[in-house]
C-alpha atoms as a PDB file:
ATOM      1  CA  MET A   1      -6.729   2.973  17.082  1.00  0.00           C
ATOM      2  CA  ASN A   2      -5.567  -0.184  15.159  1.00  0.00           C
ATOM      3  CA  ARG A   3      -2.144  -0.890  13.772  1.00  0.00           C
ATOM      4  CA  ALA A   4      -3.203  -0.366  10.299  1.00  0.00           C
ATOM      5  CA  THR A   5      -4.720   3.046  10.759  1.00  0.00           C
ATOM      6  CA  ASP A   6      -1.732   4.088  12.976  1.00  0.00           C
ATOM      7  CA  SER A   7       0.704   3.147  10.305  1.00  0.00           C
ATOM      8  CA  PHE A   8      -1.141   4.919   7.426  1.00  0.00           C
ATOM      9  CA  GLU A   9      -1.934   8.071   9.281  1.00  0.00           C
ATOM     10  CA  ASN A  10       1.484   8.618  10.539  1.00  0.00           C
ATOM     11  CA  GLY A  11       3.044   7.878   7.121  1.00  0.00           C
ATOM     12  CA  ARG A  12       5.487   5.293   8.477  1.00  0.00           C
ATOM     13  CA  GLN A  13       4.368   2.708   5.924  1.00  0.00           C
ATOM     14  CA  ARG A  14       3.017   3.158   2.481  1.00  0.00           C
ATOM     15  CA  LEU A  15       1.643   0.159   0.695  1.00  0.00           C
ATOM     16  CA  PRO A  16       2.550   0.471  -2.970  1.00  0.00           C
ATOM     17  CA  PRO A  17      -0.228  -0.239  -5.578  1.00  0.00           C
ATOM     18  CA  ASP A  18      -0.449  -3.782  -6.741  1.00  0.00           C
ATOM     19  CA  LYS A  19       0.943  -5.123  -3.422  1.00  0.00           C
ATOM     20  CA  PRO A  20      -0.796  -8.361  -2.490  1.00  0.00           C
ATOM     21  CA  ILE A  21      -3.273  -8.234   0.394  1.00  0.00           C
ATOM     22  CA  ARG A  22      -5.322 -10.934   2.146  1.00  0.00           C
ATOM     23  CA  LEU A  23      -8.847 -10.318   3.338  1.00  0.00           C
ATOM     24  CA  ALA A  24     -10.637 -12.370   5.783  1.00  0.00           C
ATOM     25  CA  TRP A  25     -14.362 -12.029   7.079  1.00  0.00           C
ATOM     26  CA  ILE A  26     -17.222 -14.123   8.471  1.00  0.00           C
ATOM     27  CA  ASP A  27     -19.952 -14.670   5.983  1.00  0.00           C
ATOM     28  CA  GLN A  28     -23.694 -14.839   6.691  1.00  0.00           C
ATOM     29  CA  ARG A  29     -23.559 -18.593   7.532  1.00  0.00           C
ATOM     30  CA  GLY A  30     -20.873 -17.950  10.154  1.00  0.00           C
ATOM     31  CA  GLN A  31     -18.071 -19.294   7.892  1.00  0.00           C
ATOM     32  CA  ILE A  32     -14.678 -17.702   7.714  1.00  0.00           C
ATOM     33  CA  LYS A  33     -13.738 -16.572   4.241  1.00  0.00           C
ATOM     34  CA  CYS A  34     -10.314 -15.496   2.957  1.00  0.00           C
ATOM     35  CA  VAL A  35      -9.357 -14.213  -0.413  1.00  0.00           C
ATOM     36  CA  PRO A  36      -6.290 -12.542  -1.965  1.00  0.00           C
ATOM     37  CA  GLY A  37      -6.596  -9.104  -3.240  1.00  0.00           C
ATOM     38  CA  LYS A  38      -4.528  -6.508  -5.044  1.00  0.00           C
ATOM     39  CA  CYS A  39      -4.148  -3.046  -3.773  1.00  0.00           C
ATOM     40  CA  ILE A  40      -5.216  -0.486  -6.334  1.00  0.00           C
ATOM     41  CA  ASP A  41      -5.079   2.722  -4.415  1.00  0.00           C
ATOM     42  CA  ILE A  42      -4.473   3.727  -0.832  1.00  0.00           C
ATOM     43  CA  SER A  43      -4.905   6.858   1.496  1.00  0.00           C
ATOM     44  CA  SER A  44      -4.778   7.439   5.160  1.00  0.00           C
ATOM     45  CA  ARG A  45      -8.367   6.357   5.648  1.00  0.00           C
ATOM     46  CA  ARG A  46      -9.280   4.131   2.695  1.00  0.00           C
ATOM     47  CA  ILE A  47      -7.913   1.341   0.496  1.00  0.00           C
ATOM     48  CA  HIS A  48      -9.213   0.307  -2.783  1.00  0.00           C
ATOM     49  CA  ILE A  49      -8.674  -3.440  -3.427  1.00  0.00           C
ATOM     50  CA  GLU A  50      -9.456  -5.769  -6.355  1.00  0.00           C
ATOM     51  CA  VAL A  51     -10.759  -8.977  -5.212  1.00  0.00           C
ATOM     52  CA  PRO A  52     -12.169 -12.195  -7.064  1.00  0.00           C
ATOM     53  CA  VAL A  53     -15.445 -12.414  -5.080  1.00  0.00           C
ATOM     54  CA  LEU A  54     -18.187 -10.143  -3.852  1.00  0.00           C
ATOM     55  CA  ILE A  55     -17.851  -8.905  -0.264  1.00  0.00           C
ATOM     56  CA  PRO A  56     -21.080  -7.513   0.985  1.00  0.00           C
ATOM     57  CA  LEU A  57     -21.293  -3.712   1.999  1.00  0.00           C
ATOM     58  CA  TYR A  58     -20.583  -2.911   5.650  1.00  0.00           C
ATOM     59  CA  THR A  59     -18.841  -6.263   6.147  1.00  0.00           C
ATOM     60  CA  PRO A  60     -16.126  -5.938   8.682  1.00  0.00           C
ATOM     61  CA  VAL A  61     -12.778  -7.497   7.390  1.00  0.00           C
ATOM     62  CA  MET A  62      -9.409  -8.103   8.652  1.00  0.00           C
ATOM     63  CA  LEU A  63      -6.597  -7.380   6.174  1.00  0.00           C
ATOM     64  CA  ARG A  64      -2.909  -8.300   5.952  1.00  0.00           C
ATOM     65  CA  ALA A  65      -0.400  -7.112   3.595  1.00  0.00           C
ATOM     66  CA  ASP A  66       2.194  -9.826   2.411  1.00  0.00           C
ATOM     67  CA  GLY A  67       5.824  -9.032   3.121  1.00  0.00           C
ATOM     68  CA  MET A  68       4.956  -6.157   5.379  1.00  0.00           C
ATOM     69  CA  SER A  69       4.246  -5.997   9.037  1.00  0.00           C
ATOM     70  CA  LEU A  70       0.793  -4.575   8.321  1.00  0.00           C
ATOM     71  CA  ALA A  71      -2.548  -5.966   9.592  1.00  0.00           C
ATOM     72  CA  GLY A  72      -5.737  -4.462  10.877  1.00  0.00           C
ATOM     73  CA  SER A  73      -9.465  -4.191  10.539  1.00  0.00           C
ATOM     74  CA  ALA A  74     -11.617  -2.227   8.123  1.00  0.00           C
ATOM     75  CA  SER A  75     -15.125  -2.076   6.811  1.00  0.00           C
ATOM     76  CA  VAL A  76     -16.435  -2.429   3.243  1.00  0.00           C
ATOM     77  CA  LYS A  77     -17.935   0.961   2.232  1.00  0.00           C
ATOM     78  CA  HIS A  78     -18.335   0.641  -1.437  1.00  0.00           C
ATOM     79  CA  VAL A  79     -18.279  -2.333  -4.096  1.00  0.00           C
ATOM     80  CA  THR A  80     -18.036  -2.131  -7.828  1.00  0.00           C
ATOM     81  CA  ARG A  81     -18.138  -4.864 -10.346  1.00  0.00           C
ATOM     82  CA  CYS A  82     -15.217  -4.857 -12.803  1.00  0.00           C
ATOM     83  CA  ASP A  83     -15.524  -7.673 -15.381  1.00  0.00           C
ATOM     84  CA  ALA A  84     -15.219 -10.820 -13.350  1.00  0.00           C
ATOM     85  CA  ARG A  85     -13.632  -9.094 -10.312  1.00  0.00           C
ATOM     86  CA  PHE A  86     -14.748  -6.546  -7.670  1.00  0.00           C
ATOM     87  CA  ILE A  87     -13.298  -3.397  -6.428  1.00  0.00           C
ATOM     88  CA  VAL A  88     -13.910  -2.978  -2.744  1.00  0.00           C
ATOM     89  CA  VAL A  89     -13.352   0.289  -0.879  1.00  0.00           C
ATOM     90  CA  LEU A  90     -12.445  -0.246   2.685  1.00  0.00           C
ATOM     91  CA  ASP A  91     -12.515   2.339   5.419  1.00  0.00           C
ATOM     92  CA  ILE A  92      -9.546   1.677   7.788  1.00  0.00           C
ATOM     93  CA  GLY A  93     -10.269   1.581  11.508  1.00  0.00           C
ATOM     94  CA  ASP A  94     -13.932   1.477  11.546  1.00  0.00           C
END
């Protein structure tokens, strides 16, 4: 179990909505991509994050919450376009 999953499931840390998050992943060309995001909603297994770019479905990502000792891995399970931004739903600990 990774650090993010452990923290969320045990309730030791709660990430308030609107807390900044950084996401990183490797794109189809093998390049590392990083974007800032904004936490919209969070549960023990999923995080909804608003980001400025499309992250493809099933992409494994690393996440880190600014100002907190929270970092871990997740996987993109849903993507919804919302105006010029995207809402991604990440499954934690996949």
